[in-house]
Amino acid sequence: MELIVEHHAAATLIRVNATRIDAPTALHFKEEMRSTTGKDEGRFILDLQHVTFIDSSGLGAVVASMKQLRPGQTLELAALQPIVDKVFRLTRMDTIFAIHADADRAVACEKT
């Protein structure tokens, strides 16, 4: 799994370059997120545009990534595909994360 990091004035955009976040990839995802968010401050936008499947392990890895943030850091989600969006809504994680329809627009927005 590859995470592509783009630094912008308003936020750091993290693009997930994979179609799945599941049991085989969750630990690597979590480690990559910890490494990425440990270097920068402020808002992080996780672009899930290419992710078409997420299971409970993947969902747990996203939540763990949010929980390990330091004070003043936030994790927001963007560009969820329909099945991934459904998982976040069914588990009520949409009440925990700010979810944006488009990653590039989310980066341009002020903190939500």
PDB file of N, CA and C in Angstrom:
ATOM      1  N   MET A   1       0.845  -1.181   0.000  1.00  0.00           N
ATOM      2  CA  MET A   1       0.000   0.000   0.000  1.00  0.00           C
ATOM      3  C   MET A   1       0.883   1.235   0.000  1.00  0.00           C
ATOM      4  N   GLU A   2       0.505   2.179  -0.828  1.00  0.00           N
ATOM      5  CA  GLU A   2       1.272   3.409  -0.935  1.00  0.00           C
ATOM      6  C   GLU A   2       0.398   4.593  -0.527  1.00  0.00           C
ATOM      7  N   LEU A   3       0.964   5.468   0.288  1.00  0.00           N
ATOM      8  CA  LEU A   3       0.312   6.719   0.635  1.00  0.00           C
ATOM      9  C   LEU A   3       1.086   7.839  -0.037  1.00  0.00           C
ATOM     10  N   ILE A   4       0.394   8.661  -0.792  1.00  0.00           N
ATOM     11  CA  ILE A   4       1.014   9.788  -1.481  1.00  0.00           C
ATOM     12  C   ILE A   4       0.675  11.044  -0.694  1.00  0.00           C
ATOM     13  N   VAL A   5       1.692  11.734  -0.218  1.00  0.00           N
ATOM     14  CA  VAL A   5       1.505  12.889   0.658  1.00  0.00           C
ATOM     15  C   VAL A   5       1.757  14.172  -0.128  1.00  0.00           C
ATOM     16  N   GLU A   6       0.796  15.088  -0.035  1.00  0.00           N
ATOM     17  CA  GLU A   6       0.912  16.400  -0.667  1.00  0.00           C
ATOM     18  C   GLU A   6       0.732  17.460   0.417  1.00  0.00           C
ATOM     19  N   HIS A   7       1.689  18.359   0.504  1.00  0.00           N
ATOM     20  CA  HIS A   7       1.632  19.422   1.505  1.00  0.00           C
ATOM     21  C   HIS A   7       1.025  20.676   0.875  1.00  0.00           C
ATOM     22  N   HIS A   8      -0.007  21.198   1.517  1.00  0.00           N
ATOM     23  CA  HIS A   8      -0.682  22.418   1.076  1.00  0.00           C
ATOM     24  C   HIS A   8      -0.709  23.390   2.253  1.00  0.00           C
ATOM     25  N   ALA A   9      -0.988  24.643   1.973  1.00  0.00           N
ATOM     26  CA  ALA A   9      -1.008  25.650   3.033  1.00  0.00           C
ATOM     27  C   ALA A   9      -2.070  25.337   4.096  1.00  0.00           C
ATOM     28  N   ALA A  10      -3.247  24.879   3.674  1.00  0.00           N
ATOM     29  CA  ALA A  10      -4.352  24.675   4.604  1.00  0.00           C
ATOM     30  C   ALA A  10      -4.381  23.274   5.227  1.00  0.00           C
ATOM     31  N   ALA A  11      -3.711  22.301   4.599  1.00  0.00           N
ATOM     32  CA  ALA A  11      -3.782  20.921   5.094  1.00  0.00           C
ATOM     33  C   ALA A  11      -2.748  20.057   4.395  1.00  0.00           C
ATOM     34  N   THR A  12      -2.525  18.888   4.963  1.00  0.00           N
ATOM     35  CA  THR A  12      -1.711  17.859   4.321  1.00  0.00           C
ATOM     36  C   THR A  12      -2.673  16.838   3.745  1.00  0.00           C
ATOM     37  N   LEU A  13      -2.565  16.595   2.451  1.00  0.00           N
ATOM     38  CA  LEU A  13      -3.432  15.640   1.766  1.00  0.00           C
ATOM     39  C   LEU A  13      -2.700  14.313   1.671  1.00  0.00           C
ATOM     40  N   ILE A  14      -3.360  13.249   2.131  1.00  0.00           N
ATOM     41  CA  ILE A  14      -2.791  11.906   2.078  1.00  0.00           C
ATOM     42  C   ILE A  14      -3.686  11.077   1.160  1.00  0.00           C
ATOM     43  N   ARG A  15      -3.166  10.749  -0.009  1.00  0.00           N
ATOM     44  CA  ARG A  15      -3.927   9.964  -0.989  1.00  0.00           C
ATOM     45  C   ARG A  15      -3.562   8.488  -0.816  1.00  0.00           C
ATOM     46  N   VAL A  16      -4.584   7.652  -0.626  1.00  0.00           N
ATOM     47  CA  VAL A  16      -4.370   6.216  -0.508  1.00  0.00           C
ATOM     48  C   VAL A  16      -4.348   5.637  -1.918  1.00  0.00           C
ATOM     49  N   ASN A  17      -3.206   5.109  -2.311  1.00  0.00           N
ATOM     50  CA  ASN A  17      -3.045   4.540  -3.645  1.00  0.00           C
ATOM     51  C   ASN A  17      -3.224   3.024  -3.559  1.00  0.00           C
ATOM     52  N   ALA A  18      -4.441   2.612  -3.201  1.00  0.00           N
ATOM     53  CA  ALA A  18      -4.789   1.196  -3.075  1.00  0.00           C
ATOM     54  C   ALA A  18      -6.304   1.077  -3.190  1.00  0.00           C
ATOM     55  N   THR A  19      -6.768  -0.093  -3.563  1.00  0.00           N
ATOM     56  CA  THR A  19      -8.211  -0.293  -3.698  1.00  0.00           C
ATOM     57  C   THR A  19      -8.839  -0.880  -2.445  1.00  0.00           C
ATOM     58  N   ARG A  20      -8.008  -1.385  -1.533  1.00  0.00           N
ATOM     59  CA  ARG A  20      -8.540  -2.029  -0.332  1.00  0.00           C
ATOM     60  C   ARG A  20      -7.764  -1.597   0.911  1.00  0.00           C
ATOM     61  N   ILE A  21      -8.500  -1.418   1.995  1.00  0.00           N
ATOM     62  CA  ILE A  21      -7.893  -1.325   3.322  1.00  0.00           C
ATOM     63  C   ILE A  21      -8.580  -2.425   4.117  1.00  0.00           C
ATOM     64  N   ASP A  22      -7.879  -3.537   4.283  1.00  0.00           N
ATOM     65  CA  ASP A  22      -8.472  -4.708   4.916  1.00  0.00           C
ATOM     66  C   ASP A  22      -7.440  -5.377   5.812  1.00  0.00           C
ATOM     67  N   ALA A  23      -7.771  -6.545   6.332  1.00  0.00           N
ATOM     68  CA  ALA A  23      -6.895  -7.220   7.292  1.00  0.00           C
ATOM     69  C   ALA A  23      -5.452  -7.354   6.807  1.00  0.00           C
ATOM     70  N   PRO A  24      -5.199  -7.760   5.558  1.00  0.00           N
ATOM     71  CA  PRO A  24      -3.808  -7.896   5.126  1.00  0.00           C
ATOM     72  C   PRO A  24      -3.045  -6.564   5.020  1.00  0.00           C
ATOM     73  N   THR A  25      -3.739  -5.441   4.865  1.00  0.00           N
ATOM     74  CA  THR A  25      -3.068  -4.162   4.652  1.00  0.00           C
ATOM     75  C   THR A  25      -3.201  -3.188   5.827  1.00  0.00           C
ATOM     76  N   ALA A  26      -4.062  -3.492   6.775  1.00  0.00           N
ATOM     77  CA  ALA A  26      -4.381  -2.540   7.846  1.00  0.00           C
ATOM     78  C   ALA A  26      -3.171  -2.147   8.691  1.00  0.00           C
ATOM     79  N   LEU A  27      -2.340  -3.094   9.066  1.00  0.00           N
ATOM     80  CA  LEU A  27      -1.187  -2.778   9.912  1.00  0.00           C
ATOM     81  C   LEU A  27      -0.211  -1.869   9.171  1.00  0.00           C
ATOM     82  N   HIS A  28       0.056  -2.174   7.920  1.00  0.00           N
ATOM     83  CA  HIS A  28       0.957  -1.331   7.126  1.00  0.00           C
ATOM     84  C   HIS A  28       0.368   0.073   6.960  1.00  0.00           C
ATOM     85  N   PHE A  29      -0.940   0.149   6.692  1.00  0.00           N
ATOM     86  CA  PHE A  29      -1.616   1.440   6.567  1.00  0.00           C
ATOM     87  C   PHE A  29      -1.437   2.255   7.850  1.00  0.00           C
ATOM     88  N   LYS A  30      -1.690   1.624   8.985  1.00  0.00           N
ATOM     89  CA  LYS A  30      -1.596   2.321  10.273  1.00  0.00           C
ATOM     90  C   LYS A  30      -0.169   2.815  10.527  1.00  0.00           C
ATOM     91  N   GLU A  31       0.821   2.003  10.214  1.00  0.00           N
ATOM     92  CA  GLU A  31       2.221   2.409  10.402  1.00  0.00           C
ATOM     93  C   GLU A  31       2.587   3.571   9.484  1.00  0.00           C
ATOM     94  N   GLU A  32       2.140   3.517   8.234  1.00  0.00           N
ATOM     95  CA  GLU A  32       2.410   4.606   7.287  1.00  0.00           C
ATOM     96  C   GLU A  32       1.733   5.902   7.740  1.00  0.00           C
ATOM     97  N   MET A  33       0.510   5.786   8.232  1.00  0.00           N
ATOM     98  CA  MET A  33      -0.202   6.965   8.726  1.00  0.00           C
ATOM     99  C   MET A  33       0.516   7.553   9.942  1.00  0.00           C
ATOM    100  N   ARG A  34       0.981   6.711  10.843  1.00  0.00           N
ATOM    101  CA  ARG A  34       1.693   7.189  12.037  1.00  0.00           C
ATOM    102  C   ARG A  34       2.962   7.935  11.618  1.00  0.00           C
ATOM    103  N   SER A  35       3.672   7.385  10.671  1.00  0.00           N
ATOM    104  CA  SER A  35       4.886   8.026  10.179  1.00  0.00           C
ATOM    105  C   SER A  35       4.576   9.371   9.526  1.00  0.00           C
ATOM    106  N   THR A  36       3.535   9.417   8.735  1.00  0.00           N
ATOM    107  CA  THR A  36       3.164  10.639   8.012  1.00  0.00           C
ATOM    108  C   THR A  36       2.657  11.720   8.960  1.00  0.00           C
ATOM    109  N   THR A  37       1.758  11.372   9.855  1.00  0.00           N
ATOM    110  CA  THR A  37       1.175  12.375  10.747  1.00  0.00           C
ATOM    111  C   THR A  37       2.144  12.778  11.852  1.00  0.00           C
ATOM    112  N   GLY A  38       3.160  11.985  12.092  1.00  0.00           N
ATOM    113  CA  GLY A  38       4.153  12.329  13.106  1.00  0.00           C
ATOM    114  C   GLY A  38       5.091  13.432  12.663  1.00  0.00           C
ATOM    115  N   LYS A  39       5.165  13.689  11.369  1.00  0.00           N
ATOM    116  CA  LYS A  39       6.094  14.676  10.818  1.00  0.00           C
ATOM    117  C   LYS A  39       5.491  16.064  10.696  1.00  0.00           C
ATOM    118  N   ASP A  40       4.179  16.154  10.562  1.00  0.00           N
ATOM    119  CA  ASP A  40       3.528  17.424  10.256  1.00  0.00           C
ATOM    120  C   ASP A  40       2.530  17.809  11.339  1.00  0.00           C
ATOM    121  N   GLU A  41       2.044  19.027  11.235  1.00  0.00           N
ATOM    122  CA  GLU A  41       1.044  19.549  12.177  1.00  0.00           C
ATOM    123  C   GLU A  41      -0.236  19.882  11.421  1.00  0.00           C
ATOM    124  N   GLY A  42      -1.305  20.156  12.158  1.00  0.00           N
ATOM    125  CA  GLY A  42      -2.537  20.675  11.575  1.00  0.00           C
ATOM    126  C   GLY A  42      -3.485  19.618  11.038  1.00  0.00           C
ATOM    127  N   ARG A  43      -4.143  19.981   9.949  1.00  0.00           N
ATOM    128  CA  ARG A  43      -5.180  19.140   9.334  1.00  0.00           C
ATOM    129  C   ARG A  43      -4.564  18.115   8.393  1.00  0.00           C
ATOM    130  N   PHE A  44      -5.125  16.918   8.438  1.00  0.00           N
ATOM    131  CA  PHE A  44      -4.788  15.871   7.495  1.00  0.00           C
ATOM    132  C   PHE A  44      -6.076  15.453   6.802  1.00  0.00           C
ATOM    133  N   ILE A  45      -6.048  15.430   5.481  1.00  0.00           N
ATOM    134  CA  ILE A  45      -7.194  14.976   4.697  1.00  0.00           C
ATOM    135  C   ILE A  45      -6.804  13.640   4.091  1.00  0.00           C
ATOM    136  N   LEU A  46      -7.542  12.590   4.424  1.00  0.00           N
ATOM    137  CA  LEU A  46      -7.280  11.254   3.902  1.00  0.00           C
ATOM    138  C   LEU A  46      -8.174  11.034   2.682  1.00  0.00           C
ATOM    139  N   ASP A  47      -7.553  11.010   1.509  1.00  0.00           N
ATOM    140  CA  ASP A  47      -8.278  10.842   0.243  1.00  0.00           C
ATOM    141  C   ASP A  47      -8.459   9.350  -0.026  1.00  0.00           C
ATOM    142  N   LEU A  48      -9.696   8.893   0.042  1.00  0.00           N
ATOM    143  CA  LEU A  48     -10.014   7.482  -0.150  1.00  0.00           C
ATOM    144  C   LEU A  48     -10.649   7.217  -1.516  1.00  0.00           C
ATOM    145  N   GLN A  49     -10.388   8.076  -2.475  1.00  0.00           N
ATOM    146  CA  GLN A  49     -10.997   7.975  -3.795  1.00  0.00           C
ATOM    147  C   GLN A  49     -10.782   6.609  -4.455  1.00  0.00           C
ATOM    148  N   HIS A  50      -9.613   6.029  -4.307  1.00  0.00           N
ATOM    149  CA  HIS A  50      -9.303   4.760  -4.972  1.00  0.00           C
ATOM    150  C   HIS A  50      -9.713   3.543  -4.157  1.00  0.00           C
ATOM    151  N   VAL A  51     -10.088   3.755  -2.898  1.00  0.00           N
ATOM    152  CA  VAL A  51     -10.446   2.635  -2.020  1.00  0.00           C
ATOM    153  C   VAL A  51     -11.893   2.218  -2.294  1.00  0.00           C
ATOM    154  N   THR A  52     -12.054   0.993  -2.780  1.00  0.00           N
ATOM    155  CA  THR A  52     -13.393   0.487  -3.090  1.00  0.00           C
ATOM    156  C   THR A  52     -13.886  -0.526  -2.063  1.00  0.00           C
ATOM    157  N   PHE A  53     -13.009  -0.908  -1.126  1.00  0.00           N
ATOM    158  CA  PHE A  53     -13.395  -1.878  -0.094  1.00  0.00           C
ATOM    159  C   PHE A  53     -12.650  -1.582   1.188  1.00  0.00           C
ATOM    160  N   ILE A  54     -13.388  -1.620   2.298  1.00  0.00           N
ATOM    161  CA  ILE A  54     -12.780  -1.496   3.627  1.00  0.00           C
ATOM    162  C   ILE A  54     -13.519  -2.460   4.546  1.00  0.00           C
ATOM    163  N   ASP A  55     -12.760  -3.229   5.322  1.00  0.00           N
ATOM    164  CA  ASP A  55     -13.386  -4.123   6.285  1.00  0.00           C
ATOM    165  C   ASP A  55     -13.184  -3.592   7.699  1.00  0.00           C
ATOM    166  N   SER A  56     -13.549  -4.381   8.698  1.00  0.00           N
ATOM    167  CA  SER A  56     -13.454  -3.897  10.080  1.00  0.00           C
ATOM    168  C   SER A  56     -12.004  -3.616  10.479  1.00  0.00           C
ATOM    169  N   SER A  57     -11.061  -4.380   9.960  1.00  0.00           N
ATOM    170  CA  SER A  57      -9.650  -4.116  10.254  1.00  0.00           C
ATOM    171  C   SER A  57      -9.212  -2.790   9.651  1.00  0.00           C
ATOM    172  N   GLY A  58      -9.651  -2.520   8.443  1.00  0.00           N
ATOM    173  CA  GLY A  58      -9.332  -1.257   7.789  1.00  0.00           C
ATOM    174  C   GLY A  58      -9.974  -0.084   8.502  1.00  0.00           C
ATOM    175  N   LEU A  59     -11.226  -0.255   8.891  1.00  0.00           N
ATOM    176  CA  LEU A  59     -11.916   0.792   9.636  1.00  0.00           C
ATOM    177  C   LEU A  59     -11.201   1.054  10.960  1.00  0.00           C
ATOM    178  N   GLY A  60     -10.788  -0.018  11.620  1.00  0.00           N
ATOM    179  CA  GLY A  60     -10.041   0.125  12.867  1.00  0.00           C
ATOM    180  C   GLY A  60      -8.729   0.853  12.663  1.00  0.00           C
ATOM    181  N   ALA A  61      -8.075   0.608  11.531  1.00  0.00           N
ATOM    182  CA  ALA A  61      -6.800   1.276  11.236  1.00  0.00           C
ATOM    183  C   ALA A  61      -7.007   2.774  11.006  1.00  0.00           C
ATOM    184  N   VAL A  62      -8.103   3.147  10.356  1.00  0.00           N
ATOM    185  CA  VAL A  62      -8.406   4.566  10.143  1.00  0.00           C
ATOM    186  C   VAL A  62      -8.698   5.234  11.484  1.00  0.00           C
ATOM    187  N   VAL A  63      -9.492   4.570  12.320  1.00  0.00           N
ATOM    188  CA  VAL A  63      -9.807   5.118  13.648  1.00  0.00           C
ATOM    189  C   VAL A  63      -8.535   5.222  14.495  1.00  0.00           C
ATOM    190  N   ALA A  64      -7.694   4.204  14.458  1.00  0.00           N
ATOM    191  CA  ALA A  64      -6.441   4.233  15.216  1.00  0.00           C
ATOM    192  C   ALA A  64      -5.549   5.381  14.744  1.00  0.00           C
ATOM    193  N   SER A  65      -5.569   5.645  13.442  1.00  0.00           N
ATOM    194  CA  SER A  65      -4.784   6.759  12.888  1.00  0.00           C
ATOM    195  C   SER A  65      -5.257   8.092  13.450  1.00  0.00           C
ATOM    196  N   MET A  66      -6.566   8.210  13.636  1.00  0.00           N
ATOM    197  CA  MET A  66      -7.109   9.439  14.216  1.00  0.00           C
ATOM    198  C   MET A  66      -6.747   9.528  15.705  1.00  0.00           C
ATOM    199  N   LYS A  67      -6.833   8.429  16.415  1.00  0.00           N
ATOM    200  CA  LYS A  67      -6.594   8.442  17.852  1.00  0.00           C
ATOM    201  C   LYS A  67      -5.148   8.729  18.217  1.00  0.00           C
ATOM    202  N   GLN A  68      -4.208   8.414  17.336  1.00  0.00           N
ATOM    203  CA  GLN A  68      -2.803   8.642  17.649  1.00  0.00           C
ATOM    204  C   GLN A  68      -2.346  10.065  17.352  1.00  0.00           C
ATOM    205  N   LEU A  69      -3.245  10.899  16.823  1.00  0.00           N
ATOM    206  CA  LEU A  69      -2.885  12.287  16.536  1.00  0.00           C
ATOM    207  C   LEU A  69      -2.596  13.058  17.820  1.00  0.00           C
ATOM    208  N   ARG A  70      -1.727  14.035  17.691  1.00  0.00           N
ATOM    209  CA  ARG A  70      -1.396  14.895  18.831  1.00  0.00           C
ATOM    210  C   ARG A  70      -2.417  16.040  18.914  1.00  0.00           C
ATOM    211  N   PRO A  71      -2.457  16.731  20.051  1.00  0.00           N
ATOM    212  CA  PRO A  71      -3.350  17.890  20.169  1.00  0.00           C
ATOM    213  C   PRO A  71      -3.073  18.896  19.044  1.00  0.00           C
ATOM    214  N   GLY A  72      -4.129  19.421  18.473  1.00  0.00           N
ATOM    215  CA  GLY A  72      -4.001  20.380  17.383  1.00  0.00           C
ATOM    216  C   GLY A  72      -4.005  19.745  16.004  1.00  0.00           C
ATOM    217  N   GLN A  73      -3.923  18.420  15.938  1.00  0.00           N
ATOM    218  CA  GLN A  73      -3.998  17.719  14.658  1.00  0.00           C
ATOM    219  C   GLN A  73      -5.407  17.162  14.473  1.00  0.00           C
ATOM    220  N   THR A  74      -5.880  17.139  13.226  1.00  0.00           N
ATOM    221  CA  THR A  74      -7.178  16.542  12.927  1.00  0.00           C
ATOM    222  C   THR A  74      -7.053  15.663  11.694  1.00  0.00           C
ATOM    223  N   LEU A  75      -7.920  14.658  11.608  1.00  0.00           N
ATOM    224  CA  LEU A  75      -7.982  13.786  10.446  1.00  0.00           C
ATOM    225  C   LEU A  75      -9.389  13.861   9.872  1.00  0.00           C
ATOM    226  N   GLU A  76      -9.462  14.231   8.600  1.00  0.00           N
ATOM    227  CA  GLU A  76     -10.727  14.305   7.888  1.00  0.00           C
ATOM    228  C   GLU A  76     -10.653  13.346   6.708  1.00  0.00           C
ATOM    229  N   LEU A  77     -11.802  12.911   6.237  1.00  0.00           N
ATOM    230  CA  LEU A  77     -11.862  11.959   5.130  1.00  0.00           C
ATOM    231  C   LEU A  77     -12.463  12.625   3.903  1.00  0.00           C
ATOM    232  N   ALA A  78     -12.092  12.119   2.728  1.00  0.00           N
ATOM    233  CA  ALA A  78     -12.611  12.699   1.491  1.00  0.00           C
ATOM    234  C   ALA A  78     -12.761  11.636   0.411  1.00  0.00           C
ATOM    235  N   ALA A  79     -13.709  11.888  -0.485  1.00  0.00           N
ATOM    236  CA  ALA A  79     -13.913  11.115  -1.712  1.00  0.00           C
ATOM    237  C   ALA A  79     -14.200   9.634  -1.448  1.00  0.00           C
ATOM    238  N   LEU A  80     -15.077   9.356  -0.493  1.00  0.00           N
ATOM    239  CA  LEU A  80     -15.421   7.974  -0.189  1.00  0.00           C
ATOM    240  C   LEU A  80     -16.271   7.376  -1.308  1.00  0.00           C
ATOM    241  N   GLN A  81     -15.882   6.192  -1.756  1.00  0.00           N
ATOM    242  CA  GLN A  81     -16.663   5.456  -2.736  1.00  0.00           C
ATOM    243  C   GLN A  81     -17.922   4.929  -2.044  1.00  0.00           C
ATOM    244  N   PRO A  82     -18.986   4.627  -2.799  1.00  0.00           N
ATOM    245  CA  PRO A  82     -20.267   4.260  -2.176  1.00  0.00           C
ATOM    246  C   PRO A  82     -20.198   3.150  -1.128  1.00  0.00           C
ATOM    247  N   ILE A  83     -19.471   2.083  -1.386  1.00  0.00           N
ATOM    248  CA  ILE A  83     -19.402   0.983  -0.415  1.00  0.00           C
ATOM    249  C   ILE A  83     -18.644   1.416   0.837  1.00  0.00           C
ATOM    250  N   VAL A  84     -17.570   2.154   0.666  1.00  0.00           N
ATOM    251  CA  VAL A  84     -16.784   2.639   1.809  1.00  0.00           C
ATOM    252  C   VAL A  84     -17.607   3.643   2.610  1.00  0.00           C
ATOM    253  N   ASP A  85     -18.307   4.527   1.915  1.00  0.00           N
ATOM    254  CA  ASP A  85     -19.181   5.491   2.568  1.00  0.00           C
ATOM    255  C   ASP A  85     -20.245   4.778   3.408  1.00  0.00           C
ATOM    256  N   LYS A  86     -20.794   3.718   2.855  1.00  0.00           N
ATOM    257  CA  LYS A  86     -21.830   2.957   3.562  1.00  0.00           C
ATOM    258  C   LYS A  86     -21.277   2.357   4.856  1.00  0.00           C
ATOM    259  N   VAL A  87     -20.058   1.843   4.822  1.00  0.00           N
ATOM    260  CA  VAL A  87     -19.432   1.279   6.024  1.00  0.00           C
ATOM    261  C   VAL A  87     -19.278   2.351   7.096  1.00  0.00           C
ATOM    262  N   PHE A  88     -18.820   3.533   6.710  1.00  0.00           N
ATOM    263  CA  PHE A  88     -18.649   4.611   7.689  1.00  0.00           C
ATOM    264  C   PHE A  88     -19.996   5.053   8.249  1.00  0.00           C
ATOM    265  N   ARG A  89     -21.031   5.064   7.440  1.00  0.00           N
ATOM    266  CA  ARG A  89     -22.348   5.480   7.935  1.00  0.00           C
ATOM    267  C   ARG A  89     -22.998   4.407   8.808  1.00  0.00           C
ATOM    268  N   LEU A  90     -22.894   3.143   8.399  1.00  0.00           N
ATOM    269  CA  LEU A  90     -23.484   2.051   9.189  1.00  0.00           C
ATOM    270  C   LEU A  90     -22.835   1.918  10.564  1.00  0.00           C
ATOM    271  N   THR A  91     -21.561   2.211  10.640  1.00  0.00           N
ATOM    272  CA  THR A  91     -20.846   2.125  11.917  1.00  0.00           C
ATOM    273  C   THR A  91     -20.877   3.445  12.692  1.00  0.00           C
ATOM    274  N   ARG A  92     -21.560   4.429  12.126  1.00  0.00           N
ATOM    275  CA  ARG A  92     -21.727   5.752  12.711  1.00  0.00           C
ATOM    276  C   ARG A  92     -20.399   6.510  12.823  1.00  0.00           C
ATOM    277  N   MET A  93     -19.399   6.086  12.093  1.00  0.00           N
ATOM    278  CA  MET A  93     -18.123   6.795  12.073  1.00  0.00           C
ATOM    279  C   MET A  93     -18.247   8.129  11.341  1.00  0.00           C
ATOM    280  N   ASP A  94     -19.335   8.300  10.598  1.00  0.00           N
ATOM    281  CA  ASP A  94     -19.571   9.592   9.944  1.00  0.00           C
ATOM    282  C   ASP A  94     -19.879  10.680  10.965  1.00  0.00           C
ATOM    283  N   THR A  95     -20.170  10.281  12.206  1.00  0.00           N
ATOM    284  CA  THR A  95     -20.385  11.264  13.269  1.00  0.00           C
ATOM    285  C   THR A  95     -19.065  11.628  13.958  1.00  0.00           C
ATOM    286  N   ILE A  96     -18.022  10.842  13.706  1.00  0.00           N
ATOM    287  CA  ILE A  96     -16.712  11.065  14.312  1.00  0.00           C
ATOM    288  C   ILE A  96     -15.797  11.850  13.375  1.00  0.00           C
ATOM    289  N   PHE A  97     -15.850  11.517  12.087  1.00  0.00           N
ATOM    290  CA  PHE A  97     -14.989  12.140  11.090  1.00  0.00           C
ATOM    291  C   PHE A  97     -15.753  13.172  10.267  1.00  0.00           C
ATOM    292  N   ALA A  98     -15.082  14.262   9.935  1.00  0.00           N
ATOM    293  CA  ALA A  98     -15.608  15.164   8.908  1.00  0.00           C
ATOM    294  C   ALA A  98     -15.366  14.455   7.578  1.00  0.00           C
ATOM    295  N   ILE A  99     -16.416  14.345   6.770  1.00  0.00           N
ATOM    296  CA  ILE A  99     -16.310  13.651   5.485  1.00  0.00           C
ATOM    297  C   ILE A  99     -16.643  14.638   4.379  1.00  0.00           C
ATOM    298  N   HIS A 100     -15.711  14.762   3.427  1.00  0.00           N
ATOM    299  CA  HIS A 100     -15.854  15.680   2.300  1.00  0.00           C
ATOM    300  C   HIS A 100     -16.074  14.889   1.017  1.00  0.00           C
ATOM    301  N   ALA A 101     -16.861  15.440   0.113  1.00  0.00           N
ATOM    302  CA  ALA A 101     -17.126  14.770  -1.163  1.00  0.00           C
ATOM    303  C   ALA A 101     -15.904  14.749  -2.068  1.00  0.00           C
ATOM    304  N   ASP A 102     -15.058  15.784  -1.984  1.00  0.00           N
ATOM    305  CA  ASP A 102     -13.919  15.928  -2.887  1.00  0.00           C
ATOM    306  C   ASP A 102     -12.670  16.315  -2.099  1.00  0.00           C
ATOM    307  N   ALA A 103     -11.575  15.626  -2.334  1.00  0.00           N
ATOM    308  CA  ALA A 103     -10.343  15.871  -1.572  1.00  0.00           C
ATOM    309  C   ALA A 103      -9.737  17.238  -1.850  1.00  0.00           C
ATOM    310  N   ASP A 104      -9.673  17.619  -3.112  1.00  0.00           N
ATOM    311  CA  ASP A 104      -9.047  18.896  -3.440  1.00  0.00           C
ATOM    312  C   ASP A 104      -9.841  20.073  -2.875  1.00  0.00           C
ATOM    313  N   ARG A 105     -11.150  19.980  -2.891  1.00  0.00           N
ATOM    314  CA  ARG A 105     -11.967  21.025  -2.278  1.00  0.00           C
ATOM    315  C   ARG A 105     -11.817  21.030  -0.759  1.00  0.00           C
ATOM    316  N   ALA A 106     -11.676  19.855  -0.181  1.00  0.00           N
ATOM    317  CA  ALA A 106     -11.504  19.759   1.269  1.00  0.00           C
ATOM    318  C   ALA A 106     -10.220  20.459   1.704  1.00  0.00           C
ATOM    319  N   VAL A 107      -9.181  20.298   0.923  1.00  0.00           N
ATOM    320  CA  VAL A 107      -7.899  20.947   1.243  1.00  0.00           C
ATOM    321  C   VAL A 107      -8.053  22.461   1.215  1.00  0.00           C
ATOM    322  N   ALA A 108      -8.835  22.960   0.268  1.00  0.00           N
ATOM    323  CA  ALA A 108      -9.007  24.410   0.108  1.00  0.00           C
ATOM    324  C   ALA A 108      -9.894  25.015   1.198  1.00  0.00           C
ATOM    325  N   CYS A 109     -10.724  24.180   1.848  1.00  0.00           N
ATOM    326  CA  CYS A 109     -11.652  24.671   2.886  1.00  0.00           C
ATOM    327  C   CYS A 109     -10.902  24.970   4.178  1.00  0.00           C
ATOM    328  N   GLU A 110     -11.482  25.833   4.951  1.00  0.00           N
ATOM    329  CA  GLU A 110     -10.978  26.067   6.306  1.00  0.00           C
ATOM    330  C   GLU A 110     -11.311  24.856   7.154  1.00  0.00           C
ATOM    331  N   LYS A 111     -10.674  24.744   8.282  1.00  0.00           N
ATOM    332  CA  LYS A 111     -10.904  23.631   9.215  1.00  0.00           C
ATOM    333  C   LYS A 111     -12.372  23.552   9.562  1.00  0.00           C
ATOM    334  N   THR A 112     -12.924  22.302   9.527  1.00  0.00           N
ATOM    335  CA  THR A 112     -14.334  22.103   9.858  1.00  0.00           C
ATOM    336  C   THR A 112     -14.516  21.795  11.311  1.00  0.00           C
TER     337      THR A 112
END
